[in-house]
Amino acid sequence: MPSPLTITLVIRQPKDPRACQLMLEQMTYVARLYGGSVTSTEQGDAIAMRLLLADQISAPELRHSKELNNG
């Protein structure tokens, strides 16, 4: 099975703002090192937010949204 083209990670950040910045810089560096790139970042848990939003919309709207994101 081939590797996915994208991956979503949720990382609990340390309390130290400088450590948070260094983590982001290092993840970006490692992605580039292996031929990838960080295409977006978001503060907070985007996966949990997406699940909460999915509970608020109808099944046909959810299917349509998934089709748009996968296609």
PDB file of N, CA and C in Angstrom:
ATOM      1  N   MET A   1       0.844  -1.174   0.000  1.00  0.00           N
ATOM      2  CA  MET A   1       0.000   0.000   0.000  1.00  0.00           C
ATOM      3  C   MET A   1       0.892   1.240   0.000  1.00  0.00           C
ATOM      4  N   PRO A   2       0.663   2.165  -0.934  1.00  0.00           N
ATOM      5  CA  PRO A   2       1.505   3.365  -0.978  1.00  0.00           C
ATOM      6  C   PRO A   2       1.230   4.299   0.193  1.00  0.00           C
ATOM      7  N   SER A   3       2.228   5.080   0.517  1.00  0.00           N
ATOM      8  CA  SER A   3       2.074   6.077   1.584  1.00  0.00           C
ATOM      9  C   SER A   3       1.095   7.150   1.139  1.00  0.00           C
ATOM     10  N   PRO A   4       0.333   7.730   2.086  1.00  0.00           N
ATOM     11  CA  PRO A   4      -0.572   8.815   1.719  1.00  0.00           C
ATOM     12  C   PRO A   4       0.207  10.060   1.304  1.00  0.00           C
ATOM     13  N   LEU A   5      -0.417  10.892   0.486  1.00  0.00           N
ATOM     14  CA  LEU A   5       0.249  12.127   0.044  1.00  0.00           C
ATOM     15  C   LEU A   5       0.284  13.173   1.136  1.00  0.00           C
ATOM     16  N   THR A   6      -0.676  13.118   2.054  1.00  0.00           N
ATOM     17  CA  THR A   6      -0.692  14.072   3.164  1.00  0.00           C
ATOM     18  C   THR A   6      -0.900  13.319   4.470  1.00  0.00           C
ATOM     19  N   ILE A   7      -0.540  13.966   5.561  1.00  0.00           N
ATOM     20  CA  ILE A   7      -0.733  13.399   6.893  1.00  0.00           C
ATOM     21  C   ILE A   7      -1.132  14.542   7.825  1.00  0.00           C
ATOM     22  N   THR A   8      -2.023  14.258   8.738  1.00  0.00           N
ATOM     23  CA  THR A   8      -2.433  15.249   9.728  1.00  0.00           C
ATOM     24  C   THR A   8      -2.009  14.736  11.099  1.00  0.00           C
ATOM     25  N   LEU A   9      -1.294  15.552  11.820  1.00  0.00           N
ATOM     26  CA  LEU A   9      -0.836  15.214  13.169  1.00  0.00           C
ATOM     27  C   LEU A   9      -1.408  16.221  14.156  1.00  0.00           C
ATOM     28  N   VAL A  10      -1.758  15.747  15.330  1.00  0.00           N
ATOM     29  CA  VAL A  10      -2.122  16.650  16.419  1.00  0.00           C
ATOM     30  C   VAL A  10      -1.077  16.444  17.498  1.00  0.00           C
ATOM     31  N   ILE A  11      -0.354  17.499  17.809  1.00  0.00           N
ATOM     32  CA  ILE A  11       0.744  17.428  18.776  1.00  0.00           C
ATOM     33  C   ILE A  11       0.418  18.352  19.940  1.00  0.00           C
ATOM     34  N   ARG A  12       0.455  17.810  21.139  1.00  0.00           N
ATOM     35  CA  ARG A  12       0.269  18.657  22.316  1.00  0.00           C
ATOM     36  C   ARG A  12       1.575  19.413  22.526  1.00  0.00           C
ATOM     37  N   GLN A  13       1.495  20.723  22.384  1.00  0.00           N
ATOM     38  CA  GLN A  13       2.674  21.571  22.472  1.00  0.00           C
ATOM     39  C   GLN A  13       3.095  21.793  23.928  1.00  0.00           C
ATOM     40  N   PRO A  14       4.391  22.024  24.140  1.00  0.00           N
ATOM     41  CA  PRO A  14       4.848  22.400  25.480  1.00  0.00           C
ATOM     42  C   PRO A  14       4.348  23.798  25.831  1.00  0.00           C
ATOM     43  N   LYS A  15       4.420  24.150  27.076  1.00  0.00           N
ATOM     44  CA  LYS A  15       3.943  25.467  27.519  1.00  0.00           C
ATOM     45  C   LYS A  15       4.867  26.603  27.085  1.00  0.00           C
ATOM     46  N   ASP A  16       6.127  26.308  26.894  1.00  0.00           N
ATOM     47  CA  ASP A  16       7.117  27.319  26.520  1.00  0.00           C
ATOM     48  C   ASP A  16       6.936  27.748  25.062  1.00  0.00           C
ATOM     49  N   PRO A  17       6.615  29.017  24.806  1.00  0.00           N
ATOM     50  CA  PRO A  17       6.398  29.482  23.430  1.00  0.00           C
ATOM     51  C   PRO A  17       7.612  29.272  22.524  1.00  0.00           C
ATOM     52  N   ARG A  18       8.798  29.438  23.068  1.00  0.00           N
ATOM     53  CA  ARG A  18      10.015  29.246  22.256  1.00  0.00           C
ATOM     54  C   ARG A  18      10.143  27.781  21.847  1.00  0.00           C
ATOM     55  N   ALA A  19       9.842  26.861  22.751  1.00  0.00           N
ATOM     56  CA  ALA A  19       9.896  25.436  22.419  1.00  0.00           C
ATOM     57  C   ALA A  19       8.882  25.098  21.321  1.00  0.00           C
ATOM     58  N   CYS A  20       7.709  25.716  21.388  1.00  0.00           N
ATOM     59  CA  CYS A  20       6.691  25.510  20.345  1.00  0.00           C
ATOM     60  C   CYS A  20       7.219  25.951  18.985  1.00  0.00           C
ATOM     61  N   GLN A  21       7.838  27.115  18.947  1.00  0.00           N
ATOM     62  CA  GLN A  21       8.383  27.627  17.693  1.00  0.00           C
ATOM     63  C   GLN A  21       9.483  26.720  17.164  1.00  0.00           C
ATOM     64  N   LEU A  22      10.352  26.257  18.058  1.00  0.00           N
ATOM     65  CA  LEU A  22      11.433  25.366  17.634  1.00  0.00           C
ATOM     66  C   LEU A  22      10.893  24.052  17.084  1.00  0.00           C
ATOM     67  N   MET A  23       9.834  23.527  17.701  1.00  0.00           N
ATOM     68  CA  MET A  23       9.230  22.289  17.197  1.00  0.00           C
ATOM     69  C   MET A  23       8.716  22.481  15.778  1.00  0.00           C
ATOM     70  N   LEU A  24       8.012  23.577  15.534  1.00  0.00           N
ATOM     71  CA  LEU A  24       7.490  23.848  14.201  1.00  0.00           C
ATOM     72  C   LEU A  24       8.632  23.971  13.189  1.00  0.00           C
ATOM     73  N   GLU A  25       9.673  24.694  13.562  1.00  0.00           N
ATOM     74  CA  GLU A  25      10.816  24.848  12.663  1.00  0.00           C
ATOM     75  C   GLU A  25      11.452  23.503  12.335  1.00  0.00           C
ATOM     76  N   GLN A  26      11.584  22.637  13.352  1.00  0.00           N
ATOM     77  CA  GLN A  26      12.205  21.335  13.128  1.00  0.00           C
ATOM     78  C   GLN A  26      11.323  20.419  12.276  1.00  0.00           C
ATOM     79  N   MET A  27      10.010  20.454  12.499  1.00  0.00           N
ATOM     80  CA  MET A  27       9.116  19.641  11.673  1.00  0.00           C
ATOM     81  C   MET A  27       9.155  20.102  10.222  1.00  0.00           C
ATOM     82  N   THR A  28       9.205  21.416  10.022  1.00  0.00           N
ATOM     83  CA  THR A  28       9.304  21.961   8.672  1.00  0.00           C
ATOM     84  C   THR A  28      10.616  21.534   8.022  1.00  0.00           C
ATOM     85  N   TYR A  29      11.685  21.581   8.791  1.00  0.00           N
ATOM     86  CA  TYR A  29      13.005  21.179   8.288  1.00  0.00           C
ATOM     87  C   TYR A  29      13.001  19.710   7.876  1.00  0.00           C
ATOM     88  N   VAL A  30      12.481  18.848   8.727  1.00  0.00           N
ATOM     89  CA  VAL A  30      12.464  17.411   8.429  1.00  0.00           C
ATOM     90  C   VAL A  30      11.605  17.124   7.197  1.00  0.00           C
ATOM     91  N   ALA A  31      10.469  17.801   7.076  1.00  0.00           N
ATOM     92  CA  ALA A  31       9.626  17.611   5.889  1.00  0.00           C
ATOM     93  C   ALA A  31      10.419  17.946   4.624  1.00  0.00           C
ATOM     94  N   ARG A  32      11.117  19.082   4.632  1.00  0.00           N
ATOM     95  CA  ARG A  32      11.921  19.479   3.460  1.00  0.00           C
ATOM     96  C   ARG A  32      13.070  18.517   3.221  1.00  0.00           C
ATOM     97  N   LEU A  33      13.685  18.045   4.299  1.00  0.00           N
ATOM     98  CA  LEU A  33      14.816  17.125   4.201  1.00  0.00           C
ATOM     99  C   LEU A  33      14.453  15.886   3.397  1.00  0.00           C
ATOM    100  N   TYR A  34      13.214  15.415   3.548  1.00  0.00           N
ATOM    101  CA  TYR A  34      12.778  14.206   2.860  1.00  0.00           C
ATOM    102  C   TYR A  34      11.920  14.493   1.632  1.00  0.00           C
ATOM    103  N   GLY A  35      11.960  15.733   1.137  1.00  0.00           N
ATOM    104  CA  GLY A  35      11.287  16.067  -0.102  1.00  0.00           C
ATOM    105  C   GLY A  35       9.839  16.506   0.048  1.00  0.00           C
ATOM    106  N   GLY A  36       9.386  16.721   1.258  1.00  0.00           N
ATOM    107  CA  GLY A  36       8.019  17.166   1.489  1.00  0.00           C
ATOM    108  C   GLY A  36       7.976  18.638   1.831  1.00  0.00           C
ATOM    109  N   SER A  37       6.831  19.084   2.280  1.00  0.00           N
ATOM    110  CA  SER A  37       6.680  20.464   2.716  1.00  0.00           C
ATOM    111  C   SER A  37       5.503  20.555   3.678  1.00  0.00           C
ATOM    112  N   VAL A  38       5.563  21.520   4.571  1.00  0.00           N
ATOM    113  CA  VAL A  38       4.440  21.819   5.449  1.00  0.00           C
ATOM    114  C   VAL A  38       3.555  22.780   4.667  1.00  0.00           C
ATOM    115  N   THR A  39       2.329  22.354   4.355  1.00  0.00           N
ATOM    116  CA  THR A  39       1.454  23.172   3.526  1.00  0.00           C
ATOM    117  C   THR A  39       0.494  24.023   4.334  1.00  0.00           C
ATOM    118  N   SER A  40       0.273  23.664   5.596  1.00  0.00           N
ATOM    119  CA  SER A  40      -0.581  24.498   6.444  1.00  0.00           C
ATOM    120  C   SER A  40      -0.330  24.160   7.907  1.00  0.00           C
ATOM    121  N   THR A  41      -0.583  25.122   8.747  1.00  0.00           N
ATOM    122  CA  THR A  41      -0.536  24.911  10.189  1.00  0.00           C
ATOM    123  C   THR A  41      -1.767  25.586  10.777  1.00  0.00           C
ATOM    124  N   GLU A  42      -2.186  25.102  11.911  1.00  0.00           N
ATOM    125  CA  GLU A  42      -3.357  25.679  12.559  1.00  0.00           C
ATOM    126  C   GLU A  42      -3.202  25.531  14.056  1.00  0.00           C
ATOM    127  N   GLN A  43      -3.521  26.574  14.780  1.00  0.00           N
ATOM    128  CA  GLN A  43      -3.476  26.511  16.234  1.00  0.00           C
ATOM    129  C   GLN A  43      -4.691  25.727  16.708  1.00  0.00           C
ATOM    130  N   GLY A  44      -4.519  24.918  17.699  1.00  0.00           N
ATOM    131  CA  GLY A  44      -5.629  24.132  18.227  1.00  0.00           C
ATOM    132  C   GLY A  44      -5.730  22.783  17.531  1.00  0.00           C
ATOM    133  N   ASP A  45      -6.705  22.000  17.936  1.00  0.00           N
ATOM    134  CA  ASP A  45      -6.901  20.646  17.426  1.00  0.00           C
ATOM    135  C   ASP A  45      -7.905  20.685  16.275  1.00  0.00           C
ATOM    136  N   ALA A  46      -7.400  20.783  15.053  1.00  0.00           N
ATOM    137  CA  ALA A  46      -8.265  20.887  13.881  1.00  0.00           C
ATOM    138  C   ALA A  46      -9.084  19.620  13.665  1.00  0.00           C
ATOM    139  N   ILE A  47      -8.551  18.469  14.050  1.00  0.00           N
ATOM    140  CA  ILE A  47      -9.296  17.216  13.885  1.00  0.00           C
ATOM    141  C   ILE A  47     -10.520  17.212  14.790  1.00  0.00           C
ATOM    142  N   ALA A  48     -10.342  17.595  16.046  1.00  0.00           N
ATOM    143  CA  ALA A  48     -11.479  17.642  16.973  1.00  0.00           C
ATOM    144  C   ALA A  48     -12.511  18.654  16.496  1.00  0.00           C
ATOM    145  N   MET A  49     -12.064  19.797  15.985  1.00  0.00           N
ATOM    146  CA  MET A  49     -12.988  20.806  15.482  1.00  0.00           C
ATOM    147  C   MET A  49     -13.775  20.267  14.293  1.00  0.00           C
ATOM    148  N   ARG A  50     -13.095  19.574  13.400  1.00  0.00           N
ATOM    149  CA  ARG A  50     -13.779  19.001  12.235  1.00  0.00           C
ATOM    150  C   ARG A  50     -14.846  17.999  12.658  1.00  0.00           C
ATOM    151  N   LEU A  51     -14.543  17.182  13.652  1.00  0.00           N
ATOM    152  CA  LEU A  51     -15.523  16.208  14.142  1.00  0.00           C
ATOM    153  C   LEU A  51     -16.732  16.901  14.760  1.00  0.00           C
ATOM    154  N   LEU A  52     -16.492  17.964  15.508  1.00  0.00           N
ATOM    155  CA  LEU A  52     -17.605  18.722  16.080  1.00  0.00           C
ATOM    156  C   LEU A  52     -18.477  19.344  14.989  1.00  0.00           C
ATOM    157  N   LEU A  53     -17.845  19.883  13.976  1.00  0.00           N
ATOM    158  CA  LEU A  53     -18.603  20.484  12.880  1.00  0.00           C
ATOM    159  C   LEU A  53     -19.375  19.427  12.093  1.00  0.00           C
ATOM    160  N   ALA A  54     -18.772  18.255  11.918  1.00  0.00           N
ATOM    161  CA  ALA A  54     -19.443  17.181  11.185  1.00  0.00           C
ATOM    162  C   ALA A  54     -20.731  16.760  11.884  1.00  0.00           C
ATOM    163  N   ASP A  55     -20.765  16.852  13.204  1.00  0.00           N
ATOM    164  CA  ASP A  55     -21.981  16.513  13.949  1.00  0.00           C
ATOM    165  C   ASP A  55     -23.102  17.517  13.707  1.00  0.00           C
ATOM    166  N   GLN A  56     -22.761  18.697  13.205  1.00  0.00           N
ATOM    167  CA  GLN A  56     -23.737  19.767  13.050  1.00  0.00           C
ATOM    168  C   GLN A  56     -24.344  19.857  11.648  1.00  0.00           C
ATOM    169  N   ILE A  57     -23.804  19.098  10.682  1.00  0.00           N
ATOM    170  CA  ILE A  57     -24.339  19.188   9.324  1.00  0.00           C
ATOM    171  C   ILE A  57     -24.972  17.865   8.916  1.00  0.00           C
ATOM    172  N   SER A  58     -25.809  17.933   7.919  1.00  0.00           N
ATOM    173  CA  SER A  58     -26.540  16.738   7.470  1.00  0.00           C
ATOM    174  C   SER A  58     -25.601  15.763   6.753  1.00  0.00           C
ATOM    175  N   ALA A  59     -26.019  14.505   6.665  1.00  0.00           N
ATOM    176  CA  ALA A  59     -25.214  13.470   6.013  1.00  0.00           C
ATOM    177  C   ALA A  59     -24.902  13.818   4.557  1.00  0.00           C
ATOM    178  N   PRO A  60     -25.876  14.295   3.754  1.00  0.00           N
ATOM    179  CA  PRO A  60     -25.530  14.654   2.364  1.00  0.00           C
ATOM    180  C   PRO A  60     -24.499  15.788   2.283  1.00  0.00           C
ATOM    181  N   GLU A  61     -24.615  16.774   3.172  1.00  0.00           N
ATOM    182  CA  GLU A  61     -23.637  17.869   3.172  1.00  0.00           C
ATOM    183  C   GLU A  61     -22.254  17.347   3.559  1.00  0.00           C
ATOM    184  N   LEU A  62     -22.210  16.435   4.510  1.00  0.00           N
ATOM    185  CA  LEU A  62     -20.935  15.863   4.941  1.00  0.00           C
ATOM    186  C   LEU A  62     -20.296  15.072   3.798  1.00  0.00           C
ATOM    187  N   ARG A  63     -21.077  14.272   3.094  1.00  0.00           N
ATOM    188  CA  ARG A  63     -20.550  13.513   1.949  1.00  0.00           C
ATOM    189  C   ARG A  63     -20.013  14.468   0.884  1.00  0.00           C
ATOM    190  N   HIS A  64     -20.764  15.515   0.599  1.00  0.00           N
ATOM    191  CA  HIS A  64     -20.332  16.497  -0.403  1.00  0.00           C
ATOM    192  C   HIS A  64     -19.006  17.145   0.014  1.00  0.00           C
ATOM    193  N   SER A  65     -18.887  17.496   1.280  1.00  0.00           N
ATOM    194  CA  SER A  65     -17.650  18.098   1.781  1.00  0.00           C
ATOM    195  C   SER A  65     -16.472  17.143   1.627  1.00  0.00           C
ATOM    196  N   LYS A  66     -16.690  15.869   1.955  1.00  0.00           N
ATOM    197  CA  LYS A  66     -15.612  14.877   1.806  1.00  0.00           C
ATOM    198  C   LYS A  66     -15.214  14.707   0.351  1.00  0.00           C
ATOM    199  N   GLU A  67     -16.191  14.728  -0.546  1.00  0.00           N
ATOM    200  CA  GLU A  67     -15.895  14.619  -1.969  1.00  0.00           C
ATOM    201  C   GLU A  67     -15.061  15.798  -2.445  1.00  0.00           C
ATOM    202  N   LEU A  68     -15.381  16.993  -1.992  1.00  0.00           N
ATOM    203  CA  LEU A  68     -14.609  18.174  -2.379  1.00  0.00           C
ATOM    204  C   LEU A  68     -13.178  18.084  -1.877  1.00  0.00           C
ATOM    205  N   ASN A  69     -13.002  17.584  -0.654  1.00  0.00           N
ATOM    206  CA  ASN A  69     -11.665  17.505  -0.063  1.00  0.00           C
ATOM    207  C   ASN A  69     -10.828  16.374  -0.648  1.00  0.00           C
ATOM    208  N   ASN A  70     -11.467  15.349  -1.194  1.00  0.00           N
ATOM    209  CA  ASN A  70     -10.735  14.214  -1.735  1.00  0.00           C
ATOM    210  C   ASN A  70     -10.548  14.293  -3.245  1.00  0.00           C
ATOM    211  N   GLY A  71     -11.150  15.263  -3.866  1.00  0.00           N
ATOM    212  CA  GLY A  71     -11.138  15.228  -5.301  1.00  0.00           C
ATOM    213  C   GLY A  71     -10.462  16.291  -5.993  1.00  0.00           C
TER     214      GLY A  71
END
